[in-house]
Amino acid sequence: MRFGLFIIASILFAGTSYASNDFSAIDKYVNFVKKEVGLPSGTAVAIVKDGKIVYEGYFGYSNIKDNKRVNEKTAFYLASVTKPMFALSMLLMEGNGDIKDSTSMAEMFPTLDFPYIDTDKIQVKHLVSHTHALANIPLVDTLAFTGQHNKLQRQKLTSSSKNDPANQLGHYQYGNEGYNILSVWAEDKFKQDWQQTLEQLVYQPLSMNHTTSYVSDAETKGFDIARPYHLYAANPKKVMPFEKSDSTMQAAGGTFSSARDMAKFLIAQLNEGQVNGKQVFPANVIKKSHQKLATNDLKYRDFIREGYAWGWYMGPYKEEKTYHHFGGIAGTHTHASFMLEHNIGLIVLNNEETVAASMTQGIADIAYSILLGKGDVNKITESRIEAMKDRWLKIQADIKETNETHEKRNAARKMVLTKEKSEYAGVFYNPLWGNLEVELLENNDLKFSLGKLNTVATAAKRKDELRIQFAIGSGRIAAYKIVEDRVVSIDIYGINPLAVETFTRL
């Protein structure tokens, strides 16, 4: 079965035609990776040049069990590729007179009390460029993972922001805090969800008909959502237990979109706001979105990052000035990049992240080599295939080692509880994180639920402590506190790297 699918130019946009470039090397490469790995997770690729889509490739499945193949309408979770779209919406708000890049947090939130920070100094441009020097894990993780929030809680979380002890105002440090704070402001300013505002300002003008920041909206409109898969799971072909919902979509990473829709967004970036001859966004707004706000000295795989604009990294790739942003969490890896001087850009969307991250690097290498006419594409493709063979061997070895380590650790630990298991169950509360529910199951396991996150506890090293792992990755320690022979609270270590969070029994 061939995973790749070329979409002929006549169905893309009126007047679109293939350039003389031959992108079949991308099909060859991606098809090889899918076959080599044996996990037919989904991948969607779109390449734009001179205001048109010149290639679309669709591979694998959005839903493996249901045999739903990826196509031009499949919407993938973008993760942090949401940032440049939300940043653009802020500039459009500025153009409408709603806010300025120099507006301070004090002006944004005149009625909120911020006991830990000086809101007069932190401006919109700091929040959007990761130079705000704030730390707020409860805000970030509540909006992205637990989903336990309403308008009042979002404001409470925002006002709990603290200064990052390892950073200072004006210095770049990547995170989600700034975008989340801006979304709380936008919600109050426009009296509606930030998702609605983003749709009105960005998605609708671009006719992004398979793009949404509501999971429920996607279901209502009937377009296919790519389900998340993970190679480290017990069954990689089974959908991951944690999937995004309306309450876990956030402005720093809260959009589902198709490759074709995202290609429209890149075309607008490359053509000063014009798409198909229509001025969708003001040219000056697009130009400003490309202005550097922060300086950094970073590198992600082949992409050098010398600066950060309005949701875009800036730096050379293949010796050409490039803007890019990527997104990734367990179950997704996304790529958006473009070169203004050559009027070219690339979108790659995946519903798996371990192999997809390396594969996407190869896709970018092949695509830009073709577009720029740099190097022997056949040799580059073969080199990428060989590199992926080696990479896959290392991933397999790491998966095996990780699983064996977990099994040995769990076998070596014995759960030491000083009271009956039923006494460890109940509802525990933290003012920022909300309710933590602990349920004793029929099989005598203790199930922990924190909003949309849930897991079954395993043994930890010390008495009256349990290990909980809400998602794939590092675990947390739940340490029960017993006073006068009664369980009164749980200290969670690791849920907030900057503090131990205490949940008091209700």
Protein backbone atom coordinates (compact mmCIF):
# COMPACT_ATOMS: atom_id res chain seq x y z
CA MET A 1 0.00 0.00 0.00
CA ARG A 2 1.38 3.41 -0.93
CA PHE A 3 1.14 5.93 1.90
CA GLY A 4 1.95 8.98 -0.19
CA LEU A 5 -0.60 10.86 -2.22
CA PHE A 6 0.07 13.67 -4.65
CA ILE A 7 -2.76 16.14 -5.01
CA ILE A 8 -2.96 17.50 -8.52
CA ALA A 9 -2.60 21.23 -8.82
CA SER A 10 -6.01 21.93 -10.29
CA ILE A 11 -7.79 21.18 -6.99
CA LEU A 12 -5.57 23.39 -4.82
CA PHE A 13 -6.25 26.96 -5.77
CA ALA A 14 -7.46 28.57 -8.93
CA GLY A 15 -4.47 29.12 -11.19
CA THR A 16 -2.14 26.90 -9.16
CA SER A 17 0.33 24.78 -11.13
CA TYR A 18 3.33 22.66 -10.30
CA ALA A 19 6.69 24.29 -10.65
CA SER A 20 9.39 22.50 -12.61
CA ASN A 21 10.62 21.13 -9.30
CA ASP A 22 10.08 17.43 -8.74
CA PHE A 23 9.16 16.65 -5.11
CA SER A 24 8.86 12.87 -5.52
CA ALA A 25 11.94 12.49 -3.27
CA ILE A 26 9.73 13.49 -0.35
CA ASP A 27 7.30 10.68 -1.17
CA LYS A 28 10.17 8.22 -1.39
CA TYR A 29 11.63 9.33 1.94
CA VAL A 30 8.42 9.44 3.98
CA ASN A 31 7.15 6.15 2.57
CA PHE A 32 10.44 4.53 3.55
CA VAL A 33 10.19 5.83 7.12
CA LYS A 34 6.60 4.63 7.53
CA LYS A 35 7.53 1.16 6.26
CA GLU A 36 10.75 0.97 8.31
CA VAL A 37 9.09 1.92 11.58
CA GLY A 38 5.93 -0.08 11.03
CA LEU A 39 3.69 2.52 12.63
CA PRO A 40 1.45 4.10 9.98
CA SER A 41 0.83 7.28 11.94
CA GLY A 42 -0.14 10.32 9.91
CA THR A 43 1.96 12.94 8.16
CA ALA A 44 0.81 15.86 6.03
CA VAL A 45 3.20 18.03 4.01
CA ALA A 46 2.57 21.25 2.09
CA ILE A 47 5.10 23.34 0.19
CA VAL A 48 4.40 26.88 -1.00
CA LYS A 49 6.22 28.97 -3.56
CA ASP A 50 5.40 32.34 -5.10
CA GLY A 51 1.97 32.49 -3.51
CA LYS A 52 0.85 28.99 -4.49
CA ILE A 53 0.91 25.49 -3.11
CA VAL A 54 3.30 23.50 -5.30
CA TYR A 55 3.19 20.21 -3.42
CA GLU A 56 0.92 18.37 -1.02
CA GLY A 57 1.73 14.95 0.38
CA TYR A 58 -0.49 12.87 2.67
CA PHE A 59 0.77 9.73 4.36
CA GLY A 60 -0.50 7.21 6.88
CA TYR A 61 -3.56 7.41 9.08
CA SER A 62 -5.27 9.94 11.27
CA ASN A 63 -6.92 7.01 13.05
CA ILE A 64 -5.16 3.67 12.67
CA LYS A 65 -7.89 1.50 14.18
CA ASP A 66 -10.61 2.99 11.98
CA ASN A 67 -8.39 3.03 8.86
CA LYS A 68 -8.91 6.76 8.37
CA ARG A 69 -6.26 7.96 5.97
CA VAL A 70 -4.76 11.42 6.20
CA ASN A 71 -5.98 13.80 3.51
CA GLU A 72 -6.18 17.51 2.73
CA LYS A 73 -8.97 17.97 5.30
CA THR A 74 -7.29 16.18 8.21
CA ALA A 75 -6.69 18.55 11.13
CA PHE A 76 -3.59 17.93 13.25
CA TYR A 77 -2.91 19.37 16.68
CA LEU A 78 -0.37 22.16 16.05
CA ALA A 79 0.96 22.54 19.62
CA SER A 80 3.29 25.58 19.68
CA VAL A 81 2.80 26.44 16.01
CA THR A 82 -0.28 28.16 17.45
CA LYS A 83 2.04 30.89 18.75
CA PRO A 84 2.70 32.76 15.49
CA MET A 85 -1.03 32.83 14.75
CA PHE A 86 -1.91 34.14 18.19
CA ALA A 87 0.94 36.67 18.00
CA LEU A 88 -0.44 37.86 14.67
CA SER A 89 -3.86 38.31 16.27
CA MET A 90 -2.27 40.60 18.88
CA LEU A 91 -0.78 42.76 16.11
CA LEU A 92 -4.14 42.88 14.38
CA MET A 93 -5.64 44.02 17.69
CA GLU A 94 -2.98 46.72 17.82
CA GLY A 95 -3.94 47.77 14.30
CA ASN A 96 -7.53 48.07 15.48
CA GLY A 97 -6.49 50.24 18.42
CA ASP A 98 -7.28 47.67 21.10
CA ILE A 99 -3.76 47.41 22.52
CA LYS A 100 -0.15 48.41 21.85
CA ASP A 101 3.05 46.41 21.92
CA SER A 102 4.14 48.69 24.77
CA THR A 103 0.98 48.20 26.84
CA SER A 104 1.97 47.07 30.32
CA MET A 105 0.41 44.28 32.35
CA ALA A 106 -0.68 46.95 34.82
CA GLU A 107 -2.73 48.57 32.05
CA MET A 108 -3.99 45.22 30.82
CA PHE A 109 -5.20 44.08 34.23
CA PRO A 110 -6.12 47.24 36.19
CA THR A 111 -8.34 45.37 38.68
CA LEU A 112 -6.13 42.32 39.32
CA ASP A 113 -3.71 42.18 42.23
CA PHE A 114 -0.24 40.85 41.38
CA PRO A 115 1.54 40.44 44.74
CA TYR A 116 4.76 38.93 43.36
CA ILE A 117 5.69 40.99 40.28
CA ASP A 118 5.97 44.59 39.03
CA THR A 119 3.35 44.72 36.29
CA ASP A 120 4.32 48.27 35.27
CA LYS A 121 7.50 46.97 33.63
CA ILE A 122 6.21 43.94 31.73
CA GLN A 123 4.76 44.80 28.33
CA VAL A 124 2.93 42.97 25.54
CA LYS A 125 6.13 42.67 23.50
CA HIS A 126 7.80 40.91 26.47
CA LEU A 127 4.92 38.47 26.83
CA VAL A 128 4.86 37.54 23.15
CA SER A 129 8.66 37.21 22.80
CA HIS A 130 9.39 35.12 25.94
CA THR A 131 11.35 37.95 27.55
CA HIS A 132 8.93 38.59 30.44
CA ALA A 133 11.00 36.63 33.01
CA LEU A 134 7.88 35.18 34.61
CA ALA A 135 7.27 31.67 35.93
CA ASN A 136 3.79 30.23 36.34
CA ILE A 137 3.63 26.44 36.02
CA PRO A 138 0.11 26.20 37.55
CA LEU A 139 -1.25 28.55 34.86
CA VAL A 140 0.57 26.75 32.05
CA ASP A 141 -0.33 23.21 33.05
CA THR A 142 -3.90 23.97 34.10
CA LEU A 143 -4.69 25.51 30.72
CA ALA A 144 -2.82 22.85 28.73
CA PHE A 145 -3.42 19.62 30.65
CA THR A 146 -5.76 19.56 33.64
CA GLY A 147 -8.49 21.79 32.22
CA GLN A 148 -9.74 22.71 35.71
CA HIS A 149 -10.47 26.37 35.14
CA ASN A 150 -13.12 28.98 34.53
CA LYS A 151 -12.78 32.73 34.03
CA LEU A 152 -12.33 33.46 37.74
CA GLN A 153 -9.76 30.68 38.11
CA ARG A 154 -7.83 31.86 35.04
CA GLN A 155 -7.57 35.32 36.57
CA LYS A 156 -6.48 33.85 39.91
CA LEU A 157 -3.81 31.81 38.16
CA THR A 158 -2.62 34.82 36.18
CA SER A 159 -2.26 36.95 39.30
CA SER A 160 -0.16 34.22 40.91
CA SER A 161 2.66 34.83 38.40
CA LYS A 162 6.11 35.15 39.93
CA ASN A 163 9.51 36.30 38.78
CA ASP A 164 11.66 33.52 37.37
CA PRO A 165 14.69 33.44 39.70
CA ALA A 166 16.89 32.22 36.84
CA ASN A 167 15.94 34.99 34.42
CA GLN A 168 15.52 38.74 34.09
CA LEU A 169 13.25 41.06 32.10
CA GLY A 170 14.36 41.42 28.49
CA HIS A 171 16.22 38.11 28.36
CA TYR A 172 14.81 35.31 26.25
CA GLN A 173 13.51 32.16 27.97
CA TYR A 174 11.01 30.05 26.06
CA GLY A 175 7.75 29.16 27.76
CA ASN A 176 3.97 29.34 27.51
CA GLU A 177 3.29 31.86 30.28
CA GLY A 178 3.27 35.01 28.13
CA TYR A 179 0.77 33.74 25.58
CA ASN A 180 -1.52 32.39 28.28
CA ILE A 181 -1.50 35.72 30.11
CA LEU A 182 -2.35 37.53 26.88
CA SER A 183 -5.24 35.14 26.26
CA VAL A 184 -6.69 35.92 29.70
CA TRP A 185 -6.53 39.62 28.83
CA ALA A 186 -8.13 39.04 25.40
CA GLU A 187 -10.95 37.09 26.99
CA ASP A 188 -11.82 40.01 29.26
CA LYS A 189 -11.27 42.65 26.56
CA PHE A 190 -13.54 41.11 23.93
CA LYS A 191 -15.96 39.36 26.31
CA GLN A 192 -15.50 36.03 24.58
CA ASP A 193 -13.07 33.12 24.51
CA TRP A 194 -9.66 33.87 23.01
CA GLN A 195 -10.46 31.06 20.55
CA GLN A 196 -13.33 33.05 19.07
CA THR A 197 -11.20 36.16 18.74
CA LEU A 198 -8.41 34.21 17.02
CA GLU A 199 -10.88 32.66 14.62
CA GLN A 200 -12.40 36.03 13.74
CA LEU A 201 -9.05 37.75 13.24
CA VAL A 202 -6.99 35.01 11.57
CA TYR A 203 -8.79 31.80 10.59
CA GLN A 204 -11.89 33.30 8.95
CA PRO A 205 -10.10 35.98 6.88
CA LEU A 206 -7.82 33.26 5.46
CA SER A 207 -10.75 30.88 4.85
CA MET A 208 -9.04 28.27 7.00
CA ASN A 209 -12.06 25.99 6.89
CA HIS A 210 -10.38 23.05 8.59
CA THR A 211 -8.82 24.98 11.42
CA THR A 212 -10.18 25.50 14.92
CA SER A 213 -9.14 26.09 18.51
CA TYR A 214 -12.13 24.12 19.79
CA VAL A 215 -12.05 20.33 19.67
CA SER A 216 -15.85 20.30 19.90
CA ASP A 217 -16.04 22.70 16.96
CA ALA A 218 -14.08 20.29 14.80
CA GLU A 219 -16.46 17.50 15.71
CA THR A 220 -19.48 19.70 14.98
CA LYS A 221 -18.13 20.69 11.57
CA GLY A 222 -17.34 17.09 10.81
CA PHE A 223 -13.72 17.26 9.76
CA ASP A 224 -11.27 14.56 10.70
CA ILE A 225 -9.04 15.02 13.74
CA ALA A 226 -5.67 13.24 13.75
CA ARG A 227 -5.50 11.10 16.90
CA PRO A 228 -2.23 11.04 18.91
CA TYR A 229 0.14 8.03 18.93
CA HIS A 230 3.32 7.35 20.87
CA LEU A 231 6.04 4.79 20.20
CA TYR A 232 6.90 4.37 23.89
CA ALA A 233 3.34 3.29 24.72
CA ALA A 234 2.59 -0.35 25.49
CA ASN A 235 0.67 -0.47 22.21
CA PRO A 236 1.93 2.26 19.82
CA LYS A 237 -1.00 1.70 17.48
CA LYS A 238 -3.48 2.55 20.21
CA VAL A 239 -4.60 6.17 20.63
CA MET A 240 -2.94 7.84 23.61
CA PRO A 241 -5.13 8.13 26.72
CA PHE A 242 -4.71 11.91 26.94
CA GLU A 243 -6.26 13.82 24.08
CA LYS A 244 -6.93 17.51 23.78
CA SER A 245 -10.36 18.86 24.73
CA ASP A 246 -11.84 22.36 24.72
CA SER A 247 -10.65 23.01 28.27
CA THR A 248 -7.04 22.03 27.49
CA MET A 249 -6.63 24.22 24.41
CA GLN A 250 -4.46 27.24 25.21
CA ALA A 251 -3.15 30.25 23.29
CA ALA A 252 0.42 28.94 23.48
CA GLY A 253 -0.63 25.66 21.87
CA GLY A 254 -4.31 25.28 21.11
CA THR A 255 -5.11 24.83 17.43
CA PHE A 256 -6.03 21.99 15.09
CA SER A 257 -5.35 22.66 11.42
CA SER A 258 -4.79 20.98 8.07
CA ALA A 259 -1.64 21.28 5.98
CA ARG A 260 -3.57 23.09 3.26
CA ASP A 261 -4.93 25.67 5.70
CA MET A 262 -1.50 26.22 7.22
CA ALA A 263 -0.12 26.73 3.72
CA LYS A 264 -2.50 29.68 3.38
CA PHE A 265 -1.07 31.11 6.58
CA LEU A 266 2.47 30.84 5.19
CA ILE A 267 1.45 32.42 1.89
CA ALA A 268 0.14 35.41 3.84
CA GLN A 269 3.50 35.65 5.63
CA LEU A 270 5.43 35.50 2.38
CA ASN A 271 3.32 37.97 0.42
CA GLU A 272 2.79 40.81 2.89
CA GLY A 273 -0.69 39.63 3.80
CA GLN A 274 -1.92 38.80 0.28
CA VAL A 275 -3.43 35.42 -0.61
CA ASN A 276 -4.75 34.70 -4.11
CA GLY A 277 -4.51 38.38 -4.97
CA LYS A 278 -6.57 39.47 -1.96
CA GLN A 279 -5.13 41.66 0.80
CA VAL A 280 -6.19 39.53 3.77
CA PHE A 281 -4.01 41.24 6.39
CA PRO A 282 -2.45 44.72 6.33
CA ALA A 283 1.05 44.59 4.87
CA ASN A 284 2.50 46.66 7.73
CA VAL A 285 1.14 44.18 10.28
CA ILE A 286 2.79 41.23 8.54
CA LYS A 287 6.05 43.14 8.23
CA LYS A 288 5.99 43.98 11.93
CA SER A 289 5.36 40.35 12.83
CA HIS A 290 8.77 39.57 11.33
CA GLN A 291 10.64 42.16 13.40
CA LYS A 292 13.06 40.74 15.93
CA LEU A 293 12.02 41.25 19.55
CA ALA A 294 14.57 39.05 21.30
CA THR A 295 18.10 37.87 20.68
CA ASN A 296 19.15 34.30 21.35
CA ASP A 297 21.89 31.85 20.47
CA LEU A 298 20.16 28.50 20.04
CA LYS A 299 19.87 25.59 17.66
CA TYR A 300 17.19 22.94 17.15
CA ARG A 301 18.52 20.15 14.95
CA ASP A 302 19.54 21.89 11.69
CA PHE A 303 17.78 25.18 12.42
CA ILE A 304 19.81 27.98 13.98
CA ARG A 305 17.92 30.44 16.16
CA GLU A 306 19.47 33.88 16.47
CA GLY A 307 16.33 35.80 17.33
CA TYR A 308 12.63 35.66 18.08
CA ALA A 309 9.97 37.80 16.41
CA TRP A 310 6.19 37.73 16.89
CA GLY A 311 5.88 33.98 17.31
CA TRP A 312 8.71 33.22 14.87
CA TYR A 313 12.28 32.12 15.42
CA MET A 314 14.79 33.79 13.11
CA GLY A 315 18.09 32.43 11.85
CA PRO A 316 19.91 30.87 8.91
CA TYR A 317 18.98 27.51 7.45
CA LYS A 318 20.98 26.31 4.47
CA GLU A 319 22.68 29.71 4.67
CA GLU A 320 19.38 31.49 3.97
CA LYS A 321 17.43 33.76 6.34
CA THR A 322 14.59 31.66 7.68
CA TYR A 323 11.61 32.12 9.98
CA HIS A 324 10.27 29.05 11.70
CA HIS A 325 8.38 27.61 14.64
CA PHE A 326 7.87 24.00 15.61
CA GLY A 327 5.48 22.32 18.00
CA GLY A 328 5.64 19.08 19.88
CA ILE A 329 4.24 17.11 22.78
CA ALA A 330 3.64 13.39 23.14
CA GLY A 331 1.52 12.48 20.13
CA THR A 332 2.32 15.38 17.82
CA HIS A 333 5.19 17.12 16.02
CA THR A 334 4.64 20.10 13.72
CA HIS A 335 6.83 22.31 11.55
CA ALA A 336 6.22 25.70 9.92
CA SER A 337 9.02 27.58 8.15
CA PHE A 338 9.54 30.08 5.34
CA MET A 339 12.17 32.16 3.53
CA LEU A 340 11.00 35.64 2.58
CA GLU A 341 13.75 36.32 0.03
CA HIS A 342 12.83 33.22 -1.96
CA ASN A 343 9.06 33.26 -1.34
CA ILE A 344 9.06 29.63 -0.26
CA GLY A 345 7.77 27.80 2.81
CA LEU A 346 7.10 24.39 4.31
CA ILE A 347 4.44 22.82 6.55
CA VAL A 348 4.82 19.36 8.09
CA LEU A 349 2.22 17.94 10.49
CA ASN A 350 2.44 14.62 12.36
CA ASN A 351 0.34 12.77 14.95
CA GLU A 352 3.44 11.09 16.48
CA GLU A 353 6.57 12.79 17.76
CA THR A 354 9.47 10.41 18.38
CA VAL A 355 10.27 9.32 14.83
CA ALA A 356 8.33 12.24 13.34
CA ALA A 357 10.77 14.82 14.73
CA SER A 358 13.71 13.20 12.92
CA MET A 359 11.66 12.49 9.82
CA THR A 360 10.49 16.10 9.62
CA GLN A 361 14.11 17.22 9.76
CA GLY A 362 14.74 15.05 6.70
CA ILE A 363 11.67 16.38 4.91
CA ALA A 364 12.88 19.95 5.44
CA ASP A 365 16.35 19.09 4.14
CA ILE A 366 14.95 17.50 0.98
CA ALA A 367 12.26 20.16 0.38
CA TYR A 368 14.53 23.18 0.75
CA SER A 369 17.32 21.51 -1.25
CA ILE A 370 14.84 21.19 -4.12
CA LEU A 371 13.39 24.68 -3.69
CA LEU A 372 16.80 26.36 -3.46
CA GLY A 373 18.51 24.14 -6.00
CA LYS A 374 21.20 23.28 -3.48
CA GLY A 375 22.86 19.88 -3.55
CA ASP A 376 22.13 16.54 -5.19
CA VAL A 377 18.61 15.67 -4.03
CA ASN A 378 19.03 11.95 -4.71
CA LYS A 379 22.16 11.81 -2.56
CA ILE A 380 20.52 13.92 0.16
CA THR A 381 17.49 11.63 0.20
CA GLU A 382 19.60 8.48 0.38
CA SER A 383 21.67 10.04 3.16
CA ARG A 384 18.51 10.84 5.09
CA ILE A 385 17.23 7.29 4.61
CA GLU A 386 20.47 5.86 5.99
CA ALA A 387 20.40 8.30 8.90
CA MET A 388 16.84 7.28 9.70
CA LYS A 389 17.83 3.61 9.72
CA ASP A 390 20.42 4.40 12.38
CA ARG A 391 18.04 6.65 14.27
CA TRP A 392 15.34 3.98 14.33
CA LEU A 393 17.76 1.40 15.74
CA LYS A 394 18.65 3.81 18.55
CA ILE A 395 14.99 4.58 19.26
CA GLN A 396 14.15 0.89 19.45
CA ALA A 397 17.02 0.29 21.85
CA ASP A 398 15.91 3.20 24.01
CA ILE A 399 12.30 1.99 24.08
CA LYS A 400 13.48 -1.43 25.21
CA GLU A 401 15.80 0.01 27.86
CA THR A 402 13.11 2.39 29.14
CA ASN A 403 10.53 -0.38 29.46
CA GLU A 404 12.98 -2.70 31.19
CA THR A 405 13.99 0.04 33.61
CA HIS A 406 10.36 0.72 34.50
CA GLU A 407 9.66 -2.96 35.01
CA LYS A 408 12.71 -3.42 37.26
CA ARG A 409 11.88 -0.32 39.27
CA ASN A 410 8.27 -1.32 39.81
CA ALA A 411 9.27 -4.87 40.74
CA ALA A 412 11.87 -3.63 43.23
CA ARG A 413 9.52 -1.26 45.03
CA LYS A 414 6.89 -2.29 47.49
CA MET A 415 4.00 -0.03 48.44
CA VAL A 416 4.29 0.79 52.14
CA LEU A 417 1.10 2.27 53.54
CA THR A 418 0.53 2.66 57.27
CA LYS A 419 -3.26 2.77 56.99
CA GLU A 420 -6.00 0.97 55.12
CA LYS A 421 -6.00 1.83 51.43
CA SER A 422 -9.50 3.23 51.59
CA GLU A 423 -8.26 6.01 53.89
CA TYR A 424 -5.95 7.31 51.14
CA ALA A 425 -8.89 7.90 48.82
CA GLY A 426 -10.90 11.11 48.77
CA VAL A 427 -10.96 14.59 47.28
CA PHE A 428 -8.03 16.93 47.94
CA TYR A 429 -7.91 20.61 47.02
CA ASN A 430 -5.27 23.17 46.00
CA PRO A 431 -6.36 26.78 45.36
CA LEU A 432 -4.42 26.98 42.07
CA TRP A 433 -4.61 23.42 40.78
CA GLY A 434 -8.16 22.61 41.89
CA ASN A 435 -9.41 19.18 42.96
CA LEU A 436 -7.26 16.07 43.06
CA GLU A 437 -9.50 13.02 43.28
CA VAL A 438 -8.15 9.72 44.60
CA GLU A 439 -10.39 6.70 44.03
CA LEU A 440 -9.99 3.18 45.36
CA LEU A 441 -10.82 0.88 42.46
CA GLU A 442 -12.39 -2.56 42.71
CA ASN A 443 -9.02 -4.19 42.03
CA ASN A 444 -7.58 -2.30 45.04
CA ASP A 445 -5.58 0.17 42.93
CA LEU A 446 -5.60 3.88 43.75
CA LYS A 447 -6.56 6.04 40.79
CA PHE A 448 -5.47 9.71 40.80
CA SER A 449 -7.40 12.25 38.72
CA LEU A 450 -6.41 15.89 38.29
CA GLY A 451 -8.94 17.30 35.89
CA LYS A 452 -8.38 15.69 32.49
CA LEU A 453 -5.31 13.81 33.75
CA ASN A 454 -5.59 10.45 35.44
CA THR A 455 -3.33 7.53 36.33
CA VAL A 456 -3.07 4.52 38.62
CA ALA A 457 -0.51 4.92 41.40
CA THR A 458 2.45 2.60 41.82
CA ALA A 459 4.91 2.10 44.68
CA ALA A 460 7.40 4.78 45.70
CA LYS A 461 10.51 4.53 47.88
CA ARG A 462 9.16 5.78 51.21
CA LYS A 463 6.19 4.88 53.38
CA ASP A 464 2.92 6.64 52.71
CA GLU A 465 4.23 7.78 49.34
CA LEU A 466 2.97 6.79 45.90
CA ARG A 467 4.34 7.33 42.43
CA ILE A 468 1.96 8.85 39.89
CA GLN A 469 2.55 9.41 36.19
CA PHE A 470 -0.19 11.41 34.54
CA ALA A 471 1.30 11.19 31.04
CA ILE A 472 4.22 9.64 29.23
CA GLY A 473 7.38 11.09 30.71
CA SER A 474 8.67 11.63 34.21
CA GLY A 475 6.56 10.62 37.20
CA ARG A 476 5.54 12.52 40.32
CA ILE A 477 5.61 11.65 44.00
CA ALA A 478 2.43 11.91 46.05
CA ALA A 479 3.45 12.08 49.71
CA TYR A 480 0.58 11.70 52.14
CA LYS A 481 0.64 13.64 55.39
CA ILE A 482 -0.98 11.89 58.37
CA VAL A 483 -1.85 13.88 61.47
CA GLU A 484 -3.44 12.31 64.55
CA ASP A 485 -4.00 9.08 62.68
CA ARG A 486 -5.87 10.82 59.86
CA VAL A 487 -4.84 11.54 56.25
CA VAL A 488 -5.06 15.34 56.00
CA SER A 489 -3.20 16.27 52.81
CA ILE A 490 -0.99 15.20 49.89
CA ASP A 491 2.23 16.91 48.86
CA ILE A 492 2.86 16.49 45.12
CA TYR A 493 6.53 16.67 44.20
CA GLY A 494 7.38 17.34 40.56
CA ILE A 495 4.05 18.64 39.33
CA ASN A 496 5.51 22.14 39.72
CA PRO A 497 9.32 22.16 39.36
CA LEU A 498 9.48 25.43 41.28
CA ALA A 499 7.52 24.31 44.34
CA VAL A 500 5.91 21.45 46.23
CA GLU A 501 2.14 21.68 45.80
CA THR A 502 -0.02 20.70 48.77
CA PHE A 503 -3.55 19.36 48.29
CA THR A 504 -5.68 19.46 51.43
CA ARG A 505 -8.42 16.91 52.03
CA LEU A 506 -11.89 18.35 51.64
